[in-house]
Amino acid sequence: MGRNFYIQVDNDHLIIQTNRADEEPSDPKKYLEDGCKPKCIKPFLSYQACVKRIQGCTTIILKTEITGDNIL
């Protein structure tokens, strides 16, 4: 039977409790790891691909668009 952990953040403290007081304490790391993984992995992988693609590139390309909205 799996354990249920209740996680509460209170004044910068992480409080982890099990569903029963008589249960043996265990390491909640495996339950917490998924919640700590980055939620924005797709943009991060795109960024990494871009870095790899332009690595060693010596050409600089600047593209600007001037419209009435961004002229000071």
C-alpha atoms as a PDB file:
ATOM      1  CA  MET A   1       0.000   0.000   0.000  1.00  0.00           C
ATOM      2  CA  GLY A   2       1.399   3.413  -0.974  1.00  0.00           C
ATOM      3  CA  ARG A   3       1.844   6.187   1.479  1.00  0.00           C
ATOM      4  CA  ASN A   4       0.150   9.531   1.213  1.00  0.00           C
ATOM      5  CA  PHE A   5       2.270  12.544   2.049  1.00  0.00           C
ATOM      6  CA  TYR A   6       0.834  15.931   2.863  1.00  0.00           C
ATOM      7  CA  ILE A   7       3.159  18.787   2.037  1.00  0.00           C
ATOM      8  CA  GLN A   8       2.743  22.244   3.508  1.00  0.00           C
ATOM      9  CA  VAL A   9       4.953  25.284   3.120  1.00  0.00           C
ATOM     10  CA  ASP A  10       4.773  27.602   6.101  1.00  0.00           C
ATOM     11  CA  ASN A  11       7.113  30.588   6.551  1.00  0.00           C
ATOM     12  CA  ASP A  12       9.853  29.078   4.367  1.00  0.00           C
ATOM     13  CA  HIS A  13       9.633  25.689   6.112  1.00  0.00           C
ATOM     14  CA  LEU A  14       8.603  22.491   4.382  1.00  0.00           C
ATOM     15  CA  ILE A  15       6.399  20.310   6.562  1.00  0.00           C
ATOM     16  CA  ILE A  16       5.840  16.728   5.409  1.00  0.00           C
ATOM     17  CA  GLN A  17       3.352  14.489   7.180  1.00  0.00           C
ATOM     18  CA  THR A  18       2.108  10.990   6.439  1.00  0.00           C
ATOM     19  CA  ASN A  19      -1.524  10.026   6.532  1.00  0.00           C
ATOM     20  CA  ARG A  20      -1.203   8.005   9.764  1.00  0.00           C
ATOM     21  CA  ALA A  21       0.702   8.699  12.959  1.00  0.00           C
ATOM     22  CA  ASP A  22       1.589   5.022  13.497  1.00  0.00           C
ATOM     23  CA  GLU A  23       3.345   4.623  10.126  1.00  0.00           C
ATOM     24  CA  GLU A  24       7.092   4.211  10.049  1.00  0.00           C
ATOM     25  CA  PRO A  25       8.881   7.369   8.812  1.00  0.00           C
ATOM     26  CA  SER A  26      10.335   7.112   5.317  1.00  0.00           C
ATOM     27  CA  ASP A  27      12.297   9.275   2.922  1.00  0.00           C
ATOM     28  CA  PRO A  28       9.823  11.385   0.873  1.00  0.00           C
ATOM     29  CA  LYS A  29      12.506  12.279  -1.710  1.00  0.00           C
ATOM     30  CA  LYS A  30      11.064  10.119  -4.489  1.00  0.00           C
ATOM     31  CA  TYR A  31       7.637  11.688  -3.979  1.00  0.00           C
ATOM     32  CA  LEU A  32       9.027  15.227  -4.054  1.00  0.00           C
ATOM     33  CA  GLU A  33      11.407  14.885  -7.022  1.00  0.00           C
ATOM     34  CA  ASP A  34       8.653  14.990  -9.666  1.00  0.00           C
ATOM     35  CA  GLY A  35       7.235  18.186  -8.215  1.00  0.00           C
ATOM     36  CA  CYS A  36      10.637  19.855  -8.341  1.00  0.00           C
ATOM     37  CA  LYS A  37      11.368  19.072 -11.989  1.00  0.00           C
ATOM     38  CA  PRO A  38      11.170  22.019 -14.364  1.00  0.00           C
ATOM     39  CA  LYS A  39       7.718  22.559 -15.809  1.00  0.00           C
ATOM     40  CA  CYS A  40       9.032  24.430 -18.848  1.00  0.00           C
ATOM     41  CA  ILE A  41      11.184  21.696 -20.364  1.00  0.00           C
ATOM     42  CA  LYS A  42      10.069  22.320 -23.971  1.00  0.00           C
ATOM     43  CA  PRO A  43      11.354  25.940 -24.094  1.00  0.00           C
ATOM     44  CA  PHE A  44      14.524  24.842 -22.305  1.00  0.00           C
ATOM     45  CA  LEU A  45      15.197  22.117 -24.890  1.00  0.00           C
ATOM     46  CA  SER A  46      14.563  24.641 -27.683  1.00  0.00           C
ATOM     47  CA  TYR A  47      17.059  26.984 -26.068  1.00  0.00           C
ATOM     48  CA  GLN A  48      19.652  24.210 -25.774  1.00  0.00           C
ATOM     49  CA  ALA A  49      19.136  23.289 -29.453  1.00  0.00           C
ATOM     50  CA  CYS A  50      19.616  26.951 -30.430  1.00  0.00           C
ATOM     51  CA  VAL A  51      22.816  27.202 -28.399  1.00  0.00           C
ATOM     52  CA  LYS A  52      24.150  24.060 -30.051  1.00  0.00           C
ATOM     53  CA  ARG A  53      23.126  25.319 -33.514  1.00  0.00           C
ATOM     54  CA  ILE A  54      24.916  28.668 -33.183  1.00  0.00           C
ATOM     55  CA  GLN A  55      27.951  27.365 -31.312  1.00  0.00           C
ATOM     56  CA  GLY A  56      31.066  28.432 -33.180  1.00  0.00           C
ATOM     57  CA  CYS A  57      29.127  30.806 -35.430  1.00  0.00           C
ATOM     58  CA  THR A  58      31.073  34.011 -36.113  1.00  0.00           C
ATOM     59  CA  THR A  59      28.374  35.809 -38.116  1.00  0.00           C
ATOM     60  CA  ILE A  60      26.218  38.333 -36.317  1.00  0.00           C
ATOM     61  CA  ILE A  61      22.763  38.991 -37.717  1.00  0.00           C
ATOM     62  CA  LEU A  62      20.794  41.893 -36.323  1.00  0.00           C
ATOM     63  CA  LYS A  63      17.168  42.354 -37.231  1.00  0.00           C
ATOM     64  CA  THR A  64      15.245  45.364 -36.070  1.00  0.00           C
ATOM     65  CA  GLU A  65      11.827  46.606 -36.877  1.00  0.00           C
ATOM     66  CA  ILE A  66      10.956  50.235 -36.344  1.00  0.00           C
ATOM     67  CA  THR A  67       7.321  51.079 -35.883  1.00  0.00           C
ATOM     68  CA  GLY A  68       5.575  54.000 -34.329  1.00  0.00           C
ATOM     69  CA  ASP A  69       5.005  51.910 -31.194  1.00  0.00           C
ATOM     70  CA  ASN A  70       8.648  51.590 -30.190  1.00  0.00           C
ATOM     71  CA  ILE A  71      10.080  54.991 -31.121  1.00  0.00           C
ATOM     72  CA  LEU A  72      10.921  57.085 -28.062  1.00  0.00           C
END
